[in-house]
Amino acid sequence: MTVSYAIGVDYGTNSVRALVVDISTGREVATHVYDYPSGDAGILLDPKDPNLARQSPADYLEGFRVSVREAVKAAAADQDFSPESVVGIGVDTTGSTPIPVDASGTALALLDQFKDNPAAHAWLWKDHTSHAEAEEITRVAKERGEPYLAKCGGVYSSEWYWSKILHCLRTQPEVAKAAASWVELADYIPAHVTGNTDPATLPRGICAAGHKAMYSEEWGGLPSVEFLESLEPGLSRYRYETKAVASDQLAGKLCPDVAEAVGLPAGVAVAVGAFDAHMGAVGAGCGDGSLVKIMGTSTCDCVPAPLSAKLPDIPGLCGVVPESIMPGMYGLEAGQSAVGDIFNWFVRYLSPSEYGNDAQAHVKLTDDAAKLKPGESGLLALDWNNGNRTVLVDPRLTGLLIGQTLHTTAPEVYRALVEATAFGALTIIRRFEEYGVNVNEVINCGGIAEKNAFVMQVYADVCNRPMKVSRSAQTCALGAAIFGSVAGGAHSDVPSAQAAMTGVKDVVYEPIAENAAVYERLYGLYKQLHDAFGGQNRSADLGGVMKELMDIRQSARKG
């Protein structure tokens, strides 16, 4: 029996991973990770501007060549594998991560003229330099009565496509002038590896276009020339006319020079790209009523819903976009701007020396925090250390910790930070349900879900529902491989590929009733802080919050 394989290429914040998968079973045959060599863990930073976060397009291209080549080499140990047995390649990336390119599709950062200019590099998803432009886009769209914000939660974000381009146009006019277009990383990689880099014709994915660039068939594609020009003369020149398509579509075939570099035959099918979390949802086996949480440095929550459903426009979401996750279904996206990043921040800068280095501190703090009862610390935090993505959509919000005393310990703070991220997750679930979107199950994936049972139990208790974990530790790459198999014709559609290739682990984290009851009370206090500091209730009286935290602490310690 002939065995066929697909390759998923997953571009994360710090590295790119290639995964070789048996498409009949989902068996993960080989993988290779390429760490981006540029900047700080792959990120180009500016000490004068903490909002700036860029990446090198050269790292992306080399990352594809190295990760795929080495994964193909490693797969050769499987007796059924051969390069000719690869039927398709899928690509997922961070986003919105747009790249300025010239008329040939070459990233400006690859040209000698611009190689040292951060504005000519990729504008990473976590770059917030355009927060003022995002606020302006929101304001002008509302003043003009434009419909463009309806499908992206009512507020435009500094993480997204047009705000970044507008900021570049105003602050780096030489880069803006040289750019013939801007291409999302999710579109840039498939275009490069298939040789179709012309920005006027390269395939654009509906995932990036719909969630980040205000694209919708309801108004004929991207925002109008008139609207873009009202923001800044010249902005509309970056408006592409290409129809955005779903990721089960073919972006092209692997071109000969790239094929040779990675050890595959030319002509392998390459699927249209999408964002990591969306393909991760597919790799986790999502369907109607499933919320998939991709848990890492940040989180992204993805929920598919049938196109036949009458969905309202949901404020605060990162989009309600047809076919952005799965063909034939709406894709709903939400998320938190920092989760693992918050835990890492505490360990790196505030963890006591006796807890050891970063890796040791995470383990020891987790162990000690797990010994505490819910509410025992008397602490409550807000999870906005990198702004709020959903439901407030405000990058200028910051973290908060209240209730600390002279007896507060590091494990207590660590637990409060974990609980804060869980409260943020519950806020997202309740926003979905408030607008009629069923959340029947939660499937978690990513490093935190894989490695930290304590965090998963806190999430189960706070959200008061079971937490499942994807069978694959590499769900984003697996989801990309699923789309590669469909684009290559080996599976007829995405659901049939999921049925063959995905699953969840046997372990399920069930909520503990007594913990859930305490967290419901704590969540009421969290929501008071959330609405007051988030600007939803400016007249809020917070005078009782500290005292109620003391009451909860006293009850927990009495047992």
Protein backbone atom coordinates (compact mmCIF):
# COMPACT_ATOMS: atom_id res chain seq x y z
CA MET A 1 0.00 0.00 0.00
CA THR A 2 1.41 3.37 -1.02
CA VAL A 3 1.78 5.86 1.83
CA SER A 4 1.44 9.56 1.08
CA TYR A 5 2.75 12.45 3.12
CA ALA A 6 2.14 16.18 3.51
CA ILE A 7 4.41 18.84 4.96
CA GLY A 8 3.22 21.62 7.23
CA VAL A 9 5.48 24.66 7.63
CA ASP A 10 4.68 26.68 10.74
CA TYR A 11 6.13 30.19 11.10
CA GLY A 12 6.08 31.21 14.76
CA THR A 13 7.31 34.30 16.54
CA ASN A 14 10.81 32.95 17.16
CA SER A 15 11.27 30.06 14.73
CA VAL A 16 9.90 28.08 11.79
CA ARG A 17 9.01 24.39 12.04
CA ALA A 18 8.54 21.88 9.22
CA LEU A 19 6.52 18.76 9.96
CA VAL A 20 6.20 15.66 7.76
CA VAL A 21 2.89 13.84 8.31
CA ASP A 22 1.40 10.55 7.12
CA ILE A 23 -1.90 11.77 5.66
CA SER A 24 -3.74 8.50 6.26
CA THR A 25 -3.26 8.51 10.05
CA GLY A 26 -1.82 11.87 11.12
CA ARG A 27 1.34 10.10 12.27
CA GLU A 28 4.06 12.72 12.60
CA VAL A 29 7.09 11.27 10.88
CA ALA A 30 9.75 13.96 11.16
CA THR A 31 10.21 17.57 12.13
CA HIS A 32 12.88 20.25 12.15
CA VAL A 33 12.94 23.66 13.80
CA TYR A 34 14.94 26.61 12.50
CA ASP A 35 15.50 29.42 15.01
CA TYR A 36 15.56 32.87 13.42
CA PRO A 37 19.13 34.17 13.78
CA SER A 38 18.43 37.91 13.58
CA GLY A 39 17.79 40.27 16.49
CA ASP A 40 16.65 39.10 19.93
CA ALA A 41 15.26 35.57 19.47
CA GLY A 42 14.46 36.52 15.90
CA ILE A 43 12.88 39.88 16.66
CA LEU A 44 14.40 43.21 15.61
CA LEU A 45 13.88 45.63 18.51
CA ASP A 46 14.49 49.31 19.20
CA PRO A 47 15.47 50.20 22.80
CA LYS A 48 14.02 53.68 22.22
CA ASP A 49 10.61 52.34 21.21
CA PRO A 50 9.20 49.33 23.11
CA ASN A 51 6.31 49.16 20.63
CA LEU A 52 8.58 48.21 17.72
CA ALA A 53 8.93 44.55 16.70
CA ARG A 54 10.19 43.63 13.22
CA GLN A 55 11.66 40.52 11.58
CA SER A 56 14.01 39.74 8.73
CA PRO A 57 12.43 38.35 5.53
CA ALA A 58 15.79 36.68 4.88
CA ASP A 59 15.21 34.60 8.03
CA TYR A 60 11.84 33.52 6.68
CA LEU A 61 13.24 32.35 3.33
CA GLU A 62 16.21 30.57 4.84
CA GLY A 63 13.92 29.10 7.45
CA PHE A 64 11.79 27.43 4.79
CA ARG A 65 14.80 25.98 3.01
CA VAL A 66 16.51 24.66 6.13
CA SER A 67 13.47 23.39 8.05
CA VAL A 68 11.90 21.59 5.08
CA ARG A 69 15.22 20.18 3.85
CA GLU A 70 16.16 18.78 7.27
CA ALA A 71 12.66 17.44 7.94
CA VAL A 72 12.71 15.64 4.57
CA LYS A 73 16.13 14.18 5.42
CA ALA A 74 14.88 12.99 8.81
CA ALA A 75 11.75 11.49 7.24
CA ALA A 76 13.96 9.23 5.11
CA ALA A 77 14.31 7.03 8.19
CA ASP A 78 10.68 6.02 7.67
CA GLN A 79 10.73 3.01 5.34
CA ASP A 80 7.66 4.17 3.39
CA PHE A 81 8.82 7.73 2.85
CA SER A 82 10.34 9.13 -0.28
CA PRO A 83 10.41 12.71 -1.55
CA GLU A 84 8.09 11.62 -4.37
CA SER A 85 5.47 10.53 -1.81
CA VAL A 86 4.88 14.14 -0.66
CA VAL A 87 1.53 15.26 -2.08
CA GLY A 88 1.33 18.80 -0.73
CA ILE A 89 2.72 21.58 1.44
CA GLY A 90 0.78 23.96 3.66
CA VAL A 91 2.06 27.12 5.31
CA ASP A 92 0.86 28.95 8.42
CA THR A 93 2.37 32.11 9.88
CA THR A 94 1.99 34.77 12.53
CA GLY A 95 -0.23 37.68 11.62
CA SER A 96 -0.79 40.34 10.85
CA THR A 97 2.84 40.40 9.71
CA PRO A 98 2.96 42.45 6.49
CA ILE A 99 6.10 42.93 4.42
CA PRO A 100 6.81 45.84 2.05
CA VAL A 101 7.83 44.53 -1.39
CA ASP A 102 8.86 46.01 -4.74
CA ALA A 103 7.09 45.40 -8.04
CA SER A 104 8.78 42.00 -8.44
CA GLY A 105 7.67 40.88 -4.99
CA THR A 106 11.14 41.16 -3.48
CA ALA A 107 11.07 42.25 0.15
CA LEU A 108 12.64 45.70 0.45
CA ALA A 109 14.78 44.49 3.35
CA LEU A 110 16.61 42.17 0.92
CA LEU A 111 17.82 45.19 -1.09
CA ASP A 112 21.10 46.83 -0.11
CA GLN A 113 19.39 50.21 0.01
CA PHE A 114 17.06 49.18 2.81
CA LYS A 115 18.70 46.25 4.61
CA ASP A 116 19.48 48.34 7.69
CA ASN A 117 16.11 50.11 7.85
CA PRO A 118 13.71 48.36 10.27
CA ALA A 119 10.71 49.78 8.41
CA ALA A 120 11.70 47.78 5.30
CA HIS A 121 11.55 44.49 7.22
CA ALA A 122 8.48 42.47 8.21
CA TRP A 123 6.23 44.23 10.71
CA LEU A 124 5.68 41.46 13.24
CA TRP A 125 2.19 40.87 14.65
CA LYS A 126 3.26 42.24 18.06
CA ASP A 127 4.50 45.56 16.65
CA HIS A 128 2.31 48.29 18.20
CA THR A 129 4.01 51.38 16.76
CA SER A 130 0.84 52.20 14.84
CA HIS A 131 -1.53 52.49 17.81
CA ALA A 132 -2.41 56.09 16.91
CA GLU A 133 -3.13 55.12 13.30
CA ALA A 134 -5.36 52.25 14.48
CA GLU A 135 -7.38 54.66 16.61
CA GLU A 136 -7.65 57.01 13.63
CA ILE A 137 -8.86 54.25 11.30
CA THR A 138 -11.56 53.36 13.83
CA ARG A 139 -12.61 56.98 14.29
CA VAL A 140 -12.69 57.90 10.60
CA ALA A 141 -14.58 54.75 9.63
CA LYS A 142 -17.24 55.53 12.24
CA GLU A 143 -17.45 59.21 11.26
CA ARG A 144 -17.93 58.32 7.60
CA GLY A 145 -20.44 55.59 8.37
CA GLU A 146 -18.30 52.97 6.65
CA PRO A 147 -19.15 49.26 7.17
CA TYR A 148 -15.54 48.08 7.33
CA LEU A 149 -15.26 47.64 11.09
CA ALA A 150 -18.35 45.45 11.38
CA LYS A 151 -16.55 42.22 10.56
CA CYS A 152 -13.53 42.89 12.78
CA GLY A 153 -15.17 43.62 16.08
CA GLY A 154 -15.86 47.34 15.68
CA VAL A 155 -12.33 48.50 16.56
CA TYR A 156 -9.25 48.42 14.34
CA SER A 157 -6.02 47.21 15.93
CA SER A 158 -2.41 48.37 15.85
CA GLU A 159 -1.48 44.71 15.22
CA TRP A 160 -3.15 44.81 11.81
CA TYR A 161 -2.36 45.46 8.16
CA TRP A 162 -3.61 48.99 7.31
CA SER A 163 -2.54 50.68 10.54
CA LYS A 164 1.03 49.44 10.04
CA ILE A 165 1.13 50.57 6.42
CA LEU A 166 -0.31 53.96 7.35
CA HIS A 167 2.32 54.41 10.07
CA CYS A 168 5.09 53.55 7.61
CA LEU A 169 3.69 56.00 5.06
CA ARG A 170 3.85 58.80 7.62
CA THR A 171 7.12 57.98 9.38
CA GLN A 172 9.24 56.27 6.72
CA PRO A 173 8.18 57.84 3.40
CA GLU A 174 11.25 56.52 1.54
CA VAL A 175 10.24 52.94 2.38
CA ALA A 176 6.61 53.61 1.54
CA LYS A 177 7.59 55.13 -1.81
CA ALA A 178 9.74 52.13 -2.73
CA ALA A 179 7.00 49.66 -1.78
CA ALA A 180 4.84 48.60 -4.72
CA SER A 181 2.70 46.59 -2.32
CA TRP A 182 2.58 44.98 1.10
CA VAL A 183 2.25 41.21 1.42
CA GLU A 184 1.26 39.27 4.52
CA LEU A 185 3.81 36.67 5.58
CA ALA A 186 1.08 34.01 5.13
CA ASP A 187 0.93 34.96 1.43
CA TYR A 188 4.61 35.81 0.98
CA ILE A 189 5.96 32.31 1.67
CA PRO A 190 3.61 30.39 -0.69
CA ALA A 191 4.28 33.04 -3.35
CA HIS A 192 8.05 32.69 -2.96
CA VAL A 193 8.19 28.89 -3.00
CA THR A 194 5.91 28.67 -6.06
CA GLY A 195 7.69 31.44 -7.98
CA ASN A 196 4.59 33.62 -8.25
CA THR A 197 5.82 36.71 -6.41
CA ASP A 198 4.15 39.42 -8.51
CA PRO A 199 2.14 41.33 -5.88
CA ALA A 200 -0.54 42.08 -8.47
CA THR A 201 -1.28 38.39 -9.10
CA LEU A 202 -0.03 36.31 -6.15
CA PRO A 203 -2.82 34.49 -4.26
CA ARG A 204 -4.07 36.29 -1.15
CA GLY A 205 -5.60 34.23 1.64
CA ILE A 206 -9.00 35.14 3.05
CA CYS A 207 -7.69 34.53 6.57
CA ALA A 208 -5.25 37.45 6.54
CA ALA A 209 -7.37 39.65 4.28
CA GLY A 210 -10.62 39.20 6.18
CA HIS A 211 -9.36 39.37 9.74
CA LYS A 212 -6.68 42.04 9.39
CA ALA A 213 -7.23 44.07 6.19
CA MET A 214 -11.02 44.70 6.38
CA TYR A 215 -11.65 42.57 3.29
CA SER A 216 -15.21 41.36 2.66
CA GLU A 217 -17.18 40.32 -0.38
CA GLU A 218 -20.06 42.36 1.08
CA TRP A 219 -18.33 45.58 -0.04
CA GLY A 220 -16.37 44.19 -2.95
CA GLY A 221 -13.05 43.33 -1.30
CA LEU A 222 -10.76 45.76 0.48
CA PRO A 223 -11.88 49.19 1.73
CA SER A 224 -12.57 51.71 -1.01
CA VAL A 225 -10.01 54.03 -2.55
CA GLU A 226 -11.97 57.00 -1.18
CA PHE A 227 -11.80 55.75 2.39
CA LEU A 228 -8.10 54.93 2.27
CA GLU A 229 -7.30 58.30 0.68
CA SER A 230 -9.30 60.05 3.41
CA LEU A 231 -6.83 58.60 5.91
CA GLU A 232 -3.69 59.60 3.99
CA PRO A 233 -3.13 60.53 0.34
CA GLY A 234 -1.30 57.66 -1.35
CA LEU A 235 -2.51 54.92 0.99
CA SER A 236 -4.82 53.44 -1.65
CA ARG A 237 -1.90 52.53 -3.91
CA TYR A 238 -1.40 49.48 -1.70
CA ARG A 239 -4.94 48.27 -2.34
CA TYR A 240 -4.78 44.98 -4.27
CA GLU A 241 -7.64 43.77 -6.49
CA THR A 242 -7.00 40.03 -6.11
CA LYS A 243 -9.93 37.98 -4.79
CA ALA A 244 -8.99 36.45 -1.44
CA VAL A 245 -9.47 32.68 -1.21
CA ALA A 246 -9.56 29.89 1.38
CA SER A 247 -6.57 27.72 2.25
CA ASP A 248 -7.91 24.57 0.58
CA GLN A 249 -7.10 26.30 -2.70
CA LEU A 250 -3.88 25.90 -4.64
CA ALA A 251 -1.36 28.74 -4.34
CA GLY A 252 0.83 27.08 -6.98
CA LYS A 253 3.38 24.31 -7.44
CA LEU A 254 6.79 24.10 -5.81
CA CYS A 255 9.18 25.79 -8.22
CA PRO A 256 12.37 23.98 -9.40
CA ASP A 257 14.99 26.03 -7.55
CA VAL A 258 13.22 25.81 -4.19
CA ALA A 259 12.43 22.12 -4.78
CA GLU A 260 16.10 21.40 -5.35
CA ALA A 261 17.08 23.33 -2.22
CA VAL A 262 14.71 21.33 0.01
CA GLY A 263 15.13 17.89 -1.57
CA LEU A 264 11.67 17.53 -3.08
CA PRO A 265 10.54 17.11 -6.68
CA ALA A 266 9.31 20.24 -8.45
CA GLY A 267 5.57 20.52 -8.87
CA VAL A 268 4.44 19.56 -5.35
CA ALA A 269 1.15 21.35 -4.56
CA VAL A 270 1.38 24.34 -2.21
CA ALA A 271 -1.79 25.51 -0.46
CA VAL A 272 -2.83 29.11 0.08
CA GLY A 273 -1.48 30.28 3.43
CA ALA A 274 -3.28 31.28 6.62
CA PHE A 275 -2.49 32.33 10.19
CA ASP A 276 -1.02 29.86 12.64
CA ALA A 277 -3.92 29.80 15.06
CA HIS A 278 -6.49 29.20 12.33
CA MET A 279 -4.59 26.25 10.94
CA GLY A 280 -3.90 25.14 14.50
CA ALA A 281 -7.66 25.00 15.08
CA VAL A 282 -7.97 22.71 12.07
CA GLY A 283 -5.07 20.60 13.32
CA ALA A 284 -6.82 20.25 16.68
CA GLY A 285 -9.90 18.84 14.97
CA CYS A 286 -12.22 21.84 15.31
CA GLY A 287 -15.80 21.85 14.06
CA ASP A 288 -19.10 23.54 14.79
CA GLY A 289 -19.21 24.46 18.49
CA SER A 290 -15.51 23.85 19.13
CA LEU A 291 -13.36 26.63 20.55
CA VAL A 292 -9.67 25.95 19.99
CA LYS A 293 -7.18 27.85 22.14
CA ILE A 294 -3.67 28.09 20.72
CA MET A 295 -1.69 28.76 23.90
CA GLY A 296 1.80 30.18 23.71
CA THR A 297 3.39 33.57 24.24
CA SER A 298 -0.06 34.93 23.41
CA THR A 299 -3.29 33.05 22.70
CA CYS A 300 -5.63 32.94 19.78
CA ASP A 301 -9.14 31.54 20.13
CA CYS A 302 -10.78 30.21 16.97
CA VAL A 303 -14.37 29.05 16.55
CA PRO A 304 -15.93 27.82 13.29
CA ALA A 305 -19.67 28.30 12.73
CA PRO A 306 -21.83 27.19 9.77
CA LEU A 307 -22.28 29.68 6.95
CA SER A 308 -25.99 28.90 7.18
CA ALA A 309 -26.11 30.45 10.66
CA LYS A 310 -27.34 34.03 11.02
CA LEU A 311 -24.38 35.45 12.89
CA PRO A 312 -24.46 39.01 14.24
CA ASP A 313 -21.48 41.32 14.07
CA ILE A 314 -19.74 40.69 17.40
CA PRO A 315 -17.96 43.66 19.02
CA GLY A 316 -14.43 43.16 20.24
CA LEU A 317 -13.61 40.13 18.09
CA CYS A 318 -10.73 39.97 15.63
CA GLY A 319 -13.16 39.09 12.90
CA VAL A 320 -16.09 37.05 11.64
CA VAL A 321 -14.84 35.94 8.22
CA PRO A 322 -16.31 33.34 5.85
CA GLU A 323 -13.94 30.40 5.30
CA SER A 324 -10.99 31.85 7.21
CA ILE A 325 -10.64 28.68 9.30
CA MET A 326 -12.53 26.02 7.36
CA PRO A 327 -14.19 26.10 3.93
CA GLY A 328 -17.96 26.34 4.20
CA MET A 329 -17.89 27.89 7.68
CA TYR A 330 -17.48 31.27 9.27
CA GLY A 331 -14.20 31.74 11.10
CA LEU A 332 -14.43 33.65 14.37
CA GLU A 333 -11.20 34.81 15.97
CA ALA A 334 -10.41 36.29 19.37
CA GLY A 335 -7.37 36.15 21.62
CA GLN A 336 -5.13 37.54 24.33
CA SER A 337 -2.04 39.60 23.55
CA ALA A 338 0.04 37.99 26.28
CA VAL A 339 -0.20 34.74 28.23
CA GLY A 340 3.06 32.80 28.26
CA ASP A 341 4.82 36.14 27.83
CA ILE A 342 3.40 37.25 31.19
CA PHE A 343 4.71 34.17 32.98
CA ASN A 344 8.09 34.61 31.28
CA TRP A 345 8.20 38.29 32.27
CA PHE A 346 7.66 37.47 35.92
CA VAL A 347 10.30 34.74 35.92
CA ARG A 348 12.86 36.81 34.03
CA TYR A 349 12.57 40.05 35.99
CA LEU A 350 10.92 39.39 39.36
CA SER A 351 11.48 35.77 40.37
CA PRO A 352 13.59 35.44 43.56
CA SER A 353 17.11 34.12 43.01
CA GLU A 354 16.48 30.97 45.04
CA TYR A 355 14.17 29.75 42.27
CA GLY A 356 17.13 29.40 39.92
CA ASN A 357 17.36 30.15 36.22
CA ASP A 358 14.34 30.73 33.99
CA ALA A 359 13.58 27.07 33.25
CA GLN A 360 14.02 26.02 36.88
CA ALA A 361 11.96 28.94 38.14
CA HIS A 362 8.97 28.06 35.95
CA VAL A 363 8.95 24.52 37.32
CA LYS A 364 9.41 25.50 40.97
CA LEU A 365 6.94 28.39 40.86
CA THR A 366 4.38 26.15 39.17
CA ASP A 367 4.82 23.47 41.84
CA ASP A 368 4.48 25.97 44.69
CA ALA A 369 1.58 27.84 43.08
CA ALA A 370 -0.30 24.56 42.58
CA LYS A 371 -0.24 23.98 46.36
CA LEU A 372 -2.29 27.13 46.93
CA LYS A 373 -6.08 27.13 47.04
CA PRO A 374 -8.11 29.44 44.79
CA GLY A 375 -8.40 32.78 46.55
CA GLU A 376 -5.80 31.91 49.20
CA SER A 377 -3.33 34.56 48.01
CA GLY A 378 -5.78 37.44 48.24
CA LEU A 379 -4.42 38.64 44.89
CA LEU A 380 -6.13 39.60 41.64
CA ALA A 381 -4.45 40.65 38.39
CA LEU A 382 -5.36 41.98 34.96
CA ASP A 383 -3.74 40.18 32.03
CA TRP A 384 -2.99 43.25 29.90
CA ASN A 385 0.81 43.36 30.09
CA ASN A 386 0.88 43.59 26.28
CA GLY A 387 -2.42 45.41 25.88
CA ASN A 388 -5.84 43.85 25.38
CA ARG A 389 -6.70 42.13 22.10
CA THR A 390 -10.21 40.89 22.94
CA VAL A 391 -12.71 42.23 23.86
CA LEU A 392 -11.44 45.77 24.47
CA VAL A 393 -9.00 45.95 21.52
CA ASP A 394 -6.70 48.46 23.19
CA PRO A 395 -2.89 48.14 23.04
CA ARG A 396 -2.43 50.98 25.52
CA LEU A 397 -3.82 49.07 28.47
CA THR A 398 -1.32 47.62 30.95
CA GLY A 399 -1.10 44.95 33.62
CA LEU A 400 -2.36 45.34 37.17
CA LEU A 401 -1.89 43.43 40.44
CA ILE A 402 -3.86 44.27 43.58
CA GLY A 403 -4.13 42.71 47.03
CA GLN A 404 -0.43 42.32 47.73
CA THR A 405 0.84 42.76 51.29
CA LEU A 406 4.18 42.50 53.05
CA HIS A 407 3.55 38.75 53.25
CA THR A 408 2.86 38.19 49.54
CA THR A 409 5.10 35.50 48.03
CA ALA A 410 6.39 34.85 44.52
CA PRO A 411 4.26 31.70 44.01
CA GLU A 412 1.17 33.68 45.02
CA VAL A 413 1.91 36.32 42.39
CA TYR A 414 2.68 33.64 39.81
CA ARG A 415 -0.65 31.94 40.48
CA ALA A 416 -2.51 35.27 40.30
CA LEU A 417 -0.99 35.89 36.86
CA VAL A 418 -2.08 32.45 35.65
CA GLU A 419 -5.56 33.07 37.03
CA ALA A 420 -5.71 36.47 35.30
CA THR A 421 -5.08 34.89 31.91
CA ALA A 422 -7.81 32.36 32.65
CA PHE A 423 -10.22 35.16 33.54
CA GLY A 424 -9.36 36.79 30.22
CA ALA A 425 -10.12 33.50 28.48
CA LEU A 426 -13.50 33.30 30.23
CA THR A 427 -14.31 36.86 29.12
CA ILE A 428 -13.80 35.76 25.52
CA ILE A 429 -16.01 32.67 25.91
CA ARG A 430 -18.78 34.76 27.43
CA ARG A 431 -18.57 37.28 24.60
CA PHE A 432 -19.09 34.46 22.07
CA GLU A 433 -22.05 33.09 24.02
CA GLU A 434 -23.53 36.54 24.57
CA TYR A 435 -23.97 36.83 20.79
CA GLY A 436 -25.38 33.37 20.22
CA VAL A 437 -22.23 31.43 19.28
CA ASN A 438 -22.24 28.03 20.96
CA VAL A 439 -19.06 26.90 22.70
CA ASN A 440 -19.71 23.22 23.30
CA GLU A 441 -16.11 22.19 23.91
CA VAL A 442 -12.68 23.76 24.41
CA ILE A 443 -9.64 22.12 22.83
CA ASN A 444 -6.27 23.50 23.90
CA CYS A 445 -2.98 23.18 22.08
CA GLY A 446 0.49 24.66 22.17
CA GLY A 447 3.34 24.41 24.62
CA ILE A 448 1.42 25.46 27.73
CA ALA A 449 -1.40 22.99 27.13
CA GLU A 450 1.13 20.24 26.49
CA LYS A 451 3.43 20.84 29.43
CA ASN A 452 1.58 22.52 32.28
CA ALA A 453 -1.21 20.56 33.98
CA PHE A 454 -1.50 23.23 36.68
CA VAL A 455 -2.41 25.94 34.17
CA MET A 456 -4.91 23.65 32.45
CA GLN A 457 -6.64 22.85 35.74
CA VAL A 458 -6.89 26.54 36.61
CA TYR A 459 -8.47 27.19 33.19
CA ALA A 460 -10.94 24.33 33.73
CA ASP A 461 -11.89 25.69 37.14
CA VAL A 462 -12.14 29.34 36.08
CA CYS A 463 -14.10 28.62 32.89
CA ASN A 464 -16.07 25.87 34.68
CA ARG A 465 -15.93 23.51 31.74
CA PRO A 466 -13.70 20.63 30.67
CA MET A 467 -10.41 21.43 28.98
CA LYS A 468 -9.32 18.99 26.28
CA VAL A 469 -5.82 18.89 24.79
CA SER A 470 -5.03 18.24 21.16
CA ARG A 471 -3.34 14.92 20.44
CA SER A 472 -0.65 16.70 18.44
CA ALA A 473 1.94 18.90 20.09
CA GLN A 474 2.35 20.66 16.73
CA THR A 475 -1.21 21.47 15.78
CA CYS A 476 -0.42 24.54 13.66
CA ALA A 477 2.01 22.60 11.48
CA LEU A 478 -0.41 19.66 11.40
CA GLY A 479 -3.22 21.95 10.26
CA ALA A 480 -0.96 23.32 7.54
CA ALA A 481 -0.19 19.76 6.45
CA ILE A 482 -3.94 19.03 6.31
CA PHE A 483 -4.43 21.91 3.88
CA GLY A 484 -1.42 20.72 1.90
CA SER A 485 -3.04 17.29 1.55
CA VAL A 486 -6.33 18.82 0.39
CA ALA A 487 -4.67 21.22 -2.07
CA GLY A 488 -2.71 18.25 -3.40
CA GLY A 489 -5.91 16.28 -3.98
CA ALA A 490 -5.09 13.47 -1.53
CA HIS A 491 -8.12 14.29 0.64
CA SER A 492 -11.38 15.49 -0.84
CA ASP A 493 -12.00 18.16 1.77
CA VAL A 494 -10.83 19.45 5.14
CA PRO A 495 -13.30 17.49 7.36
CA SER A 496 -12.27 14.18 5.81
CA ALA A 497 -8.60 15.07 6.28
CA GLN A 498 -9.30 16.00 9.91
CA ALA A 499 -11.09 12.70 10.51
CA ALA A 500 -7.99 10.83 9.39
CA MET A 501 -5.29 13.03 10.87
CA THR A 502 -6.47 14.65 14.14
CA GLY A 503 -7.60 13.71 17.65
CA VAL A 504 -7.41 14.70 21.33
CA LYS A 505 -5.51 13.19 24.25
CA ASP A 506 -7.14 10.84 26.73
CA VAL A 507 -6.52 13.26 29.60
CA VAL A 508 -9.29 15.83 30.11
CA TYR A 509 -9.09 18.49 32.83
CA GLU A 510 -12.48 18.55 34.54
CA PRO A 511 -13.56 21.54 36.66
CA ILE A 512 -13.50 21.06 40.43
CA ALA A 513 -16.82 22.37 41.75
CA GLU A 514 -15.51 24.03 44.93
CA ASN A 515 -12.73 25.77 42.97
CA ALA A 516 -15.16 26.92 40.29
CA ALA A 517 -17.38 28.49 42.96
CA VAL A 518 -14.49 30.56 44.34
CA TYR A 519 -13.40 31.59 40.87
CA GLU A 520 -16.91 32.71 39.96
CA ARG A 521 -16.70 35.13 42.88
CA LEU A 522 -13.21 36.26 41.91
CA TYR A 523 -14.29 36.69 38.30
CA GLY A 524 -16.92 39.19 39.45
CA LEU A 525 -14.10 41.30 40.91
CA TYR A 526 -11.96 40.78 37.79
CA LYS A 527 -14.86 42.02 35.66
CA GLN A 528 -15.17 45.14 37.82
CA LEU A 529 -11.50 45.93 37.22
CA HIS A 530 -11.79 44.95 33.54
CA ASP A 531 -14.69 47.31 32.89
CA ALA A 532 -13.35 50.17 34.99
CA PHE A 533 -9.76 50.26 33.69
CA GLY A 534 -10.88 49.19 30.22
CA GLY A 535 -13.11 52.24 29.90
CA GLN A 536 -16.40 50.32 29.86
CA ASN A 537 -17.55 51.70 33.21
CA ARG A 538 -15.79 54.94 34.03
CA SER A 539 -17.99 55.63 37.08
CA ALA A 540 -17.23 52.28 38.73
CA ASP A 541 -16.73 52.27 42.50
CA LEU A 542 -13.77 49.98 43.20
CA GLY A 543 -13.61 50.73 46.90
CA GLY A 544 -14.78 47.28 47.94
CA VAL A 545 -12.50 45.17 45.74
CA MET A 546 -9.53 44.93 48.12
CA LYS A 547 -11.73 44.14 51.10
CA GLU A 548 -13.63 41.41 49.25
CA LEU A 549 -10.32 39.88 48.20
CA MET A 550 -9.39 39.79 51.90
CA ASP A 551 -12.70 38.04 52.70
CA ILE A 552 -12.09 35.46 49.97
CA ARG A 553 -8.54 34.95 51.24
CA GLN A 554 -9.78 34.43 54.79
CA SER A 555 -12.37 31.87 53.68
CA ALA A 556 -9.78 29.95 51.64
CA ARG A 557 -7.27 29.83 54.47
CA LYS A 558 -9.84 28.64 56.99
CA GLY A 559 -10.65 25.81 54.58
